[in-house]
Amino acid sequence: MLIGFSLFVAVGFLIAFLWSVKSGQYSDTYTPSVRILFEDKKSTKEKETTKEIELKEKKLDN
């Protein structure tokens, strides 16, 4: 019974893999390799937080 269930799960994963390859999930091989080179744009909240930290550091230095 356990062998039958494991074969069922394995076939399910095989079908999911073949479906993802057929639908083009793995067609872009260039973008993931260069994504790390580009810096993400910071949101306004992140910019404000960075400014607050810099101001606190300047106050501590004085």
C-alpha atoms as a PDB file:
ATOM      1  CA  MET A   1       0.000   0.000   0.000  1.00  0.00           C
ATOM      2  CA  LEU A   2       2.824   2.406   0.859  1.00  0.00           C
ATOM      3  CA  ILE A   3       4.638   1.591  -2.383  1.00  0.00           C
ATOM      4  CA  GLY A   4       1.483   2.287  -4.361  1.00  0.00           C
ATOM      5  CA  PHE A   5       1.004   5.644  -2.640  1.00  0.00           C
ATOM      6  CA  SER A   6       4.643   6.627  -3.250  1.00  0.00           C
ATOM      7  CA  LEU A   7       4.306   5.725  -6.942  1.00  0.00           C
ATOM      8  CA  PHE A   8       1.143   7.815  -7.120  1.00  0.00           C
ATOM      9  CA  VAL A   9       2.965  10.817  -5.611  1.00  0.00           C
ATOM     10  CA  ALA A  10       5.949  10.324  -7.938  1.00  0.00           C
ATOM     11  CA  VAL A  11       3.695  10.225 -11.007  1.00  0.00           C
ATOM     12  CA  GLY A  12       1.967  13.379  -9.741  1.00  0.00           C
ATOM     13  CA  PHE A  13       5.280  15.201  -9.486  1.00  0.00           C
ATOM     14  CA  LEU A  14       6.293  13.976 -12.942  1.00  0.00           C
ATOM     15  CA  ILE A  15       3.051  15.274 -14.437  1.00  0.00           C
ATOM     16  CA  ALA A  16       3.486  18.636 -12.674  1.00  0.00           C
ATOM     17  CA  PHE A  17       7.061  18.916 -13.963  1.00  0.00           C
ATOM     18  CA  LEU A  18       6.115  18.055 -17.543  1.00  0.00           C
ATOM     19  CA  TRP A  19       3.218  20.530 -17.413  1.00  0.00           C
ATOM     20  CA  SER A  20       5.515  23.320 -16.166  1.00  0.00           C
ATOM     21  CA  VAL A  21       8.074  22.634 -18.908  1.00  0.00           C
ATOM     22  CA  LYS A  22       5.357  22.581 -21.570  1.00  0.00           C
ATOM     23  CA  SER A  23       3.849  25.868 -20.320  1.00  0.00           C
ATOM     24  CA  GLY A  24       7.214  27.662 -20.573  1.00  0.00           C
ATOM     25  CA  GLN A  25       8.105  27.911 -16.892  1.00  0.00           C
ATOM     26  CA  TYR A  26      11.771  27.173 -17.618  1.00  0.00           C
ATOM     27  CA  SER A  27      12.108  29.046 -20.914  1.00  0.00           C
ATOM     28  CA  ASP A  28      13.833  32.139 -19.449  1.00  0.00           C
ATOM     29  CA  THR A  29      17.357  31.088 -18.562  1.00  0.00           C
ATOM     30  CA  TYR A  30      18.991  34.536 -18.786  1.00  0.00           C
ATOM     31  CA  THR A  31      17.044  36.755 -16.358  1.00  0.00           C
ATOM     32  CA  PRO A  32      17.666  34.825 -13.110  1.00  0.00           C
ATOM     33  CA  SER A  33      21.414  34.948 -13.642  1.00  0.00           C
ATOM     34  CA  VAL A  34      21.527  38.758 -13.943  1.00  0.00           C
ATOM     35  CA  ARG A  35      18.727  39.684 -11.530  1.00  0.00           C
ATOM     36  CA  ILE A  36      21.204  39.955  -8.659  1.00  0.00           C
ATOM     37  CA  LEU A  37      23.152  42.621 -10.550  1.00  0.00           C
ATOM     38  CA  PHE A  38      20.276  45.116 -10.582  1.00  0.00           C
ATOM     39  CA  GLU A  39      19.402  47.048  -7.454  1.00  0.00           C
ATOM     40  CA  ASP A  40      15.784  47.068  -6.378  1.00  0.00           C
ATOM     41  CA  LYS A  41      14.043  50.414  -6.165  1.00  0.00           C
ATOM     42  CA  LYS A  42      13.461  51.430  -2.565  1.00  0.00           C
ATOM     43  CA  SER A  43       9.979  52.340  -1.466  1.00  0.00           C
ATOM     44  CA  THR A  44       9.325  55.724   0.116  1.00  0.00           C
ATOM     45  CA  LYS A  45       8.925  54.070   3.511  1.00  0.00           C
ATOM     46  CA  GLU A  46      12.378  52.491   3.238  1.00  0.00           C
ATOM     47  CA  LYS A  47      13.874  55.847   2.217  1.00  0.00           C
ATOM     48  CA  GLU A  48      12.269  57.576   5.221  1.00  0.00           C
ATOM     49  CA  THR A  49      13.537  54.891   7.578  1.00  0.00           C
ATOM     50  CA  THR A  50      17.051  55.237   6.167  1.00  0.00           C
ATOM     51  CA  LYS A  51      16.935  59.013   6.646  1.00  0.00           C
ATOM     52  CA  GLU A  52      15.728  58.609  10.247  1.00  0.00           C
ATOM     53  CA  ILE A  53      18.602  56.234  11.024  1.00  0.00           C
ATOM     54  CA  GLU A  54      21.133  58.637   9.492  1.00  0.00           C
ATOM     55  CA  LEU A  55      19.732  61.519  11.560  1.00  0.00           C
ATOM     56  CA  LYS A  56      19.943  59.472  14.766  1.00  0.00           C
ATOM     57  CA  GLU A  57      23.547  58.541  13.980  1.00  0.00           C
ATOM     58  CA  LYS A  58      24.446  62.208  13.411  1.00  0.00           C
ATOM     59  CA  LYS A  59      22.867  63.169  16.753  1.00  0.00           C
ATOM     60  CA  LEU A  60      24.875  60.469  18.522  1.00  0.00           C
ATOM     61  CA  ASP A  61      28.102  61.655  16.892  1.00  0.00           C
ATOM     62  CA  ASN A  62      27.571  65.230  18.123  1.00  0.00           C
END
